[in-house]
Protein backbone atom coordinates (compact mmCIF):
# COMPACT_ATOMS: atom_id res chain seq x y z
CA UNK A 1 115.69 96.58 108.44
CA UNK A 2 112.71 97.54 110.57
CA UNK A 3 109.66 96.81 108.45
CA UNK A 4 105.96 97.43 109.06
CA UNK A 5 103.36 95.40 107.16
CA UNK A 6 99.71 96.42 106.98
CA UNK A 7 97.43 93.50 106.23
CA UNK A 8 99.96 91.23 107.94
CA UNK A 9 97.40 88.51 108.79
CA UNK A 10 96.30 87.94 105.19
CA UNK A 11 97.33 85.36 102.59
CA UNK A 12 100.36 87.35 101.41
CA UNK A 13 101.03 89.12 104.72
CA UNK A 14 101.54 85.97 106.81
CA UNK A 15 103.96 84.48 104.30
CA UNK A 16 105.78 87.77 103.82
CA UNK A 17 106.25 88.12 107.57
CA UNK A 18 107.89 84.69 107.79
CA UNK A 19 110.02 85.35 104.71
CA UNK A 20 111.35 88.70 105.94
CA UNK A 21 112.11 87.39 109.42
CA UNK A 22 114.01 84.50 107.83
CA UNK A 23 116.01 87.10 105.89
CA UNK A 24 117.03 88.77 109.15
CA UNK A 25 114.59 91.70 109.22
CA UNK A 26 112.45 92.80 112.16
CA UNK A 27 108.74 93.04 111.40
CA UNK A 28 105.79 94.88 112.92
CA UNK A 29 102.46 93.56 111.70
CA UNK A 30 99.29 95.64 111.71
CA UNK A 31 95.90 94.10 110.94
CA UNK A 32 92.28 94.19 112.08
CA UNK A 33 92.46 90.39 112.34
CA UNK A 34 94.45 88.65 115.06
CA UNK A 35 98.12 87.81 114.51
CA UNK A 36 99.12 84.59 112.80
CA UNK A 37 102.38 82.73 113.30
CA UNK A 38 104.61 82.09 116.28
CA UNK A 39 107.62 84.40 116.33
CA UNK A 40 110.12 85.57 118.92
CA UNK A 41 109.43 88.97 120.46
CA UNK A 42 112.64 90.46 119.14
CA UNK A 43 111.67 89.42 115.59
CA UNK A 44 108.00 90.36 115.45
CA UNK A 45 105.49 92.53 117.19
CA UNK A 46 101.84 92.89 116.36
CA UNK A 47 99.37 95.75 116.57
CA UNK A 48 95.69 94.91 116.12
CA UNK A 49 93.91 97.90 114.61
CA UNK A 50 91.47 99.09 111.98
CA UNK A 51 93.86 100.85 109.61
CA UNK A 52 91.03 102.74 107.90
CA UNK A 53 90.92 104.84 111.07
CA UNK A 54 93.62 107.04 112.54
CA UNK A 55 94.91 105.86 115.91
CA UNK A 56 97.74 104.68 118.10
CA UNK A 57 98.79 102.10 115.51
CA UNK A 58 100.29 104.93 113.46
CA UNK A 59 102.97 105.43 116.14
CA UNK A 60 104.51 102.15 114.97
CA UNK A 61 105.42 103.89 111.71
CA UNK A 62 107.76 106.39 113.37
CA UNK A 63 110.82 104.11 113.57
CA UNK A 64 110.54 102.01 110.43
CA UNK A 65 112.89 101.76 107.47
CA UNK A 66 110.24 100.30 105.18
CA UNK A 67 106.47 99.92 104.98
CA UNK A 68 104.76 97.23 102.95
CA UNK A 69 101.14 98.18 102.50
CA UNK A 70 99.00 95.10 101.78
CA UNK A 71 95.73 95.98 103.51
CA UNK A 72 92.53 95.62 101.50
CA UNK A 73 89.27 93.70 101.64
CA UNK A 74 89.27 90.53 99.53
CA UNK A 75 87.58 91.15 96.18
CA UNK A 76 86.38 87.52 95.84
CA UNK A 77 83.00 88.14 97.41
CA UNK A 78 79.56 88.96 96.03
CA UNK A 79 79.64 92.68 95.32
CA UNK A 80 76.95 95.06 96.42
CA UNK A 81 77.26 98.79 97.10
CA UNK A 82 78.27 98.19 100.73
CA UNK A 83 80.94 95.63 99.86
CA UNK A 84 82.34 97.79 97.07
CA UNK A 85 82.66 100.59 99.59
CA UNK A 86 84.65 98.23 101.84
CA UNK A 87 86.92 97.25 98.93
CA UNK A 88 87.57 100.93 98.28
CA UNK A 89 87.92 102.25 101.82
CA UNK A 90 90.16 99.50 103.17
CA UNK A 91 92.66 100.37 100.46
CA UNK A 92 92.40 104.13 100.08
CA UNK A 93 91.89 105.12 103.72
CA UNK A 94 94.60 102.74 104.98
CA UNK A 95 97.10 104.10 102.47
CA UNK A 96 96.15 107.68 103.34
CA UNK A 97 96.68 106.99 107.05
CA UNK A 98 100.01 105.23 106.43
CA UNK A 99 101.35 108.11 104.34
CA UNK A 100 100.22 110.71 106.90
CA UNK A 101 102.19 108.97 109.66
CA UNK A 102 105.43 108.20 107.79
CA UNK A 103 108.56 109.67 109.40
CA UNK A 104 110.18 112.66 107.74
CA UNK A 105 113.49 112.51 109.59
CA UNK A 106 114.82 109.26 108.11
CA UNK A 107 115.12 107.46 104.79
CA UNK A 108 112.03 105.31 104.25
CA UNK A 109 110.62 103.22 101.40
CA UNK A 110 106.91 102.58 100.94
CA UNK A 111 106.03 99.48 98.92
CA UNK A 112 102.30 99.87 98.36
CA UNK A 113 100.16 97.24 96.72
CA UNK A 114 98.02 97.77 93.65
CA UNK A 115 96.83 95.20 91.10
CA UNK A 116 96.95 94.30 87.44
CA UNK A 117 93.29 95.29 87.56
CA UNK A 118 94.66 98.84 87.18
CA UNK A 119 94.60 98.28 83.42
CA UNK A 120 90.96 97.16 83.15
CA UNK A 121 89.82 94.88 80.33
CA UNK A 122 92.42 95.40 77.57
CA UNK A 123 92.02 92.47 75.22
CA UNK A 124 95.26 91.65 73.39
CA UNK A 125 97.22 94.75 74.48
CA UNK A 126 100.61 94.00 76.02
CA UNK A 127 100.51 95.90 79.29
CA UNK A 128 103.77 97.25 80.67
CA UNK A 129 103.89 99.90 83.36
CA UNK A 130 103.63 102.79 80.87
CA UNK A 131 100.08 101.88 79.83
CA UNK A 132 97.08 103.95 80.88
CA UNK A 133 94.51 102.70 83.41
CA UNK A 134 91.13 101.18 82.63
CA UNK A 135 87.80 102.64 83.67
CA UNK A 136 85.93 99.86 85.48
CA UNK A 137 85.43 99.80 89.25
CA UNK A 138 88.63 97.94 90.14
CA UNK A 139 90.70 100.09 87.80
CA UNK A 140 89.34 103.22 89.48
CA UNK A 141 90.13 101.75 92.89
CA UNK A 142 93.71 101.07 91.78
CA UNK A 143 94.14 104.58 90.36
CA UNK A 144 93.01 106.19 93.63
CA UNK A 145 95.01 103.67 95.68
CA UNK A 146 98.21 104.48 93.81
CA UNK A 147 97.54 108.22 93.97
CA UNK A 148 97.37 108.05 97.77
CA UNK A 149 100.67 106.15 97.90
CA UNK A 150 102.50 108.58 95.64
CA UNK A 151 101.58 111.49 97.93
CA UNK A 152 104.37 110.13 100.16
CA UNK A 153 106.91 111.34 97.59
CA UNK A 154 106.21 114.88 98.82
CA UNK A 155 107.43 113.73 102.25
CA UNK A 156 110.74 112.53 100.78
CA UNK A 157 109.70 108.88 100.77
CA UNK A 158 110.74 106.48 98.00
CA UNK A 159 107.52 104.94 96.71
CA UNK A 160 107.19 101.64 94.86
CA UNK A 161 103.73 100.59 93.69
CA UNK A 162 103.44 96.85 93.08
CA UNK A 163 100.67 95.83 90.67
CA UNK A 164 100.02 92.22 91.65
CA UNK A 165 98.91 89.56 89.27
CA UNK A 166 96.94 86.61 90.67
CA UNK A 167 99.15 85.12 93.39
CA UNK A 168 99.64 81.35 93.24
CA UNK A 169 100.62 79.70 96.51
CA UNK A 170 99.76 76.94 98.92
CA UNK A 171 96.78 76.93 101.27
CA UNK A 172 95.04 80.09 100.20
CA UNK A 173 94.45 82.72 97.57
CA UNK A 174 92.90 82.12 94.16
CA UNK A 175 94.07 78.50 93.88
CA UNK A 176 92.26 77.54 97.08
CA UNK A 177 89.02 78.74 95.50
CA UNK A 178 89.67 76.89 92.22
CA UNK A 179 90.95 73.54 93.47
CA UNK A 180 87.72 72.04 94.85
CA UNK A 181 85.97 72.25 91.46
CA UNK A 182 88.93 70.75 89.60
CA UNK A 183 89.35 67.96 92.14
CA UNK A 184 85.65 67.14 91.71
CA UNK A 185 86.20 66.88 87.91
CA UNK A 186 84.20 70.10 87.41
CA UNK A 187 86.96 72.60 86.55
CA UNK A 188 87.43 74.44 83.31
CA UNK A 189 87.80 77.81 81.56
CA UNK A 190 85.68 80.88 82.18
CA UNK A 191 83.71 82.16 79.21
CA UNK A 192 85.53 81.54 75.94
CA UNK A 193 88.82 81.29 77.86
CA UNK A 194 90.66 83.65 75.53
CA UNK A 195 91.19 86.44 78.04
CA UNK A 196 94.71 86.91 79.40
CA UNK A 197 95.51 85.92 82.96
CA UNK A 198 98.39 87.68 84.78
CA UNK A 199 99.87 85.57 87.58
CA UNK A 200 102.87 85.27 89.90
CA UNK A 201 104.08 82.54 92.22
CA UNK A 202 104.18 83.44 95.91
CA UNK A 203 107.94 82.77 96.15
CA UNK A 204 108.61 85.30 93.37
CA UNK A 205 106.21 87.82 94.89
CA UNK A 206 107.97 87.70 98.27
CA UNK A 207 111.47 87.96 96.83
CA UNK A 208 110.36 90.77 94.49
CA UNK A 209 109.01 92.78 97.42
CA UNK A 210 112.33 92.47 99.26
CA UNK A 211 114.24 93.17 96.02
CA UNK A 212 112.53 96.53 95.39
CA UNK A 213 112.76 97.36 99.07
CA UNK A 214 116.55 97.05 99.26
CA UNK A 215 117.40 98.39 95.78
CA UNK A 216 117.26 102.12 96.33
CA UNK A 217 117.24 103.00 92.64
CA UNK A 218 113.81 101.38 92.10
CA UNK A 219 110.69 103.51 92.42
CA UNK A 220 107.35 104.03 90.73
CA UNK A 221 104.88 101.41 89.46
CA UNK A 222 105.98 97.84 88.69
CA UNK A 223 103.96 94.88 87.47
CA UNK A 224 104.45 92.03 89.93
CA UNK A 225 103.51 89.41 87.36
CA UNK A 226 105.24 86.48 85.71
CA UNK A 227 106.99 87.42 82.46
CA UNK A 228 104.75 84.79 80.85
CA UNK A 229 101.05 85.63 81.18
CA UNK A 230 98.71 82.99 79.79
CA UNK A 231 95.18 82.85 78.46
CA UNK A 232 92.54 81.49 80.80
CA UNK A 233 92.23 78.42 78.55
CA UNK A 234 95.90 77.60 79.02
CA UNK A 235 95.78 78.22 82.75
CA UNK A 236 92.80 75.85 83.11
CA UNK A 237 94.44 73.12 81.05
CA UNK A 238 97.71 73.44 82.97
CA UNK A 239 96.04 73.30 86.37
CA UNK A 240 93.94 70.31 85.32
CA UNK A 241 96.98 68.49 83.94
CA UNK A 242 98.96 68.98 87.15
CA UNK A 243 96.01 67.63 89.12
CA UNK A 244 95.41 64.73 86.77
CA UNK A 245 91.92 65.99 85.99
CA UNK A 246 90.01 67.11 82.89
CA UNK A 247 89.21 70.77 82.19
CA UNK A 248 86.12 70.59 80.02
CA UNK A 249 83.50 72.19 82.30
CA UNK A 250 83.47 75.62 80.72
CA UNK A 251 81.48 78.27 82.64
CA UNK A 252 79.51 80.38 80.12
CA UNK A 253 80.10 84.11 80.44
CA UNK A 254 76.39 84.89 80.89
CA UNK A 255 76.12 82.37 83.74
CA UNK A 256 79.21 83.71 85.50
CA UNK A 257 77.81 87.24 85.33
CA UNK A 258 74.40 86.02 86.48
CA UNK A 259 75.90 84.26 89.51
CA UNK A 260 78.71 86.68 90.43
CA UNK A 261 77.31 89.93 89.07
CA UNK A 262 79.86 92.70 88.51
CA UNK A 263 82.65 90.50 89.87
CA UNK A 264 81.85 87.99 87.11
CA UNK A 265 82.70 90.61 84.53
CA UNK A 266 86.02 91.29 86.27
CA UNK A 267 86.87 87.57 86.20
CA UNK A 268 86.42 87.65 82.43
CA UNK A 269 88.55 90.74 81.87
CA UNK A 270 91.79 90.40 79.90
CA UNK A 271 95.10 91.75 81.25
CA UNK A 272 98.20 90.75 79.36
CA UNK A 273 100.46 92.34 81.96
CA UNK A 274 104.21 91.83 81.72
CA UNK A 275 106.98 92.49 84.25
CA UNK A 276 109.02 94.84 82.07
CA UNK A 277 110.41 97.07 84.84
CA UNK A 278 111.19 94.28 87.31
CA UNK A 279 113.20 92.50 84.63
CA UNK A 280 114.95 95.70 83.57
CA UNK A 281 116.16 96.16 87.15
CA UNK A 282 117.71 92.69 87.14
CA UNK A 283 115.13 90.69 89.08
CA UNK A 284 115.22 86.93 88.36
CA UNK A 285 112.05 84.85 88.57
CA UNK A 286 112.28 81.45 90.20
CA UNK A 287 108.98 80.34 88.64
CA UNK A 288 108.52 81.98 85.23
CA UNK A 289 106.84 78.81 83.91
CA UNK A 290 103.20 78.18 84.84
CA UNK A 291 103.48 74.41 85.13
CA UNK A 292 106.34 74.64 87.61
CA UNK A 293 104.55 77.39 89.55
CA UNK A 294 101.37 75.35 89.91
CA UNK A 295 103.32 72.20 90.79
CA UNK A 296 105.11 74.11 93.54
CA UNK A 297 101.77 75.43 94.82
CA UNK A 298 99.98 72.11 95.18
């Protein structure tokens, strides 16, 4: 298949590019950052562009069989009004520009990213794809992000929206931000640690993206999360155990909010998201168990 990836130079995008090329696909990467990886010309081409703006990069969409839309500013940054605008615009405007340029004369699938943050802070609720969205900032971003993607259905495009849990993988992502504290014997739960933590191992994320891409009967929203979400307490203990470290440095909720502001509140939100639709379509997780997933990520 001819596949275009927006956000191809990011944590997921670089690994997805390698994975899809290894599976025999041809990939076009589009990102504002420079290309990463060393690929043969017949396997990979790269277009450097700001996808929040219309431009020549959209011509690359005319001959694709699939688009995987990953572009979006990293949320793990101190939020102010300007940065929140970047979080919003990099997702919504990119998706709008992708949809506007999709071909109408061929069968195409759009796999557009969203996040488990769609559901907001939901306590003990078990969150499958039928549940309603939350109302905090990230939930509103996800709602608008998904709405832009589903506009492509009017162009005859099959649309899959993938609501990512926290992605666990080597050399990047959330784990890279957590590991230094744990290795310095300063890791531990956030707040009371009772909030639910949706996660997925990178290997399962990549294979799930290809799975929904090639299975033509799959469309709509899917939680890209392990079938076994855990509480933050359990995640902290498991990570510490795999590192051979303690996990008793609990960060009080008030301190996290004081330091990280609005983002601190998001880090304390509870999303017990489950992969109901992925499982119902026959997808098999390689790493459904947290211990094995962390071990494979270290």
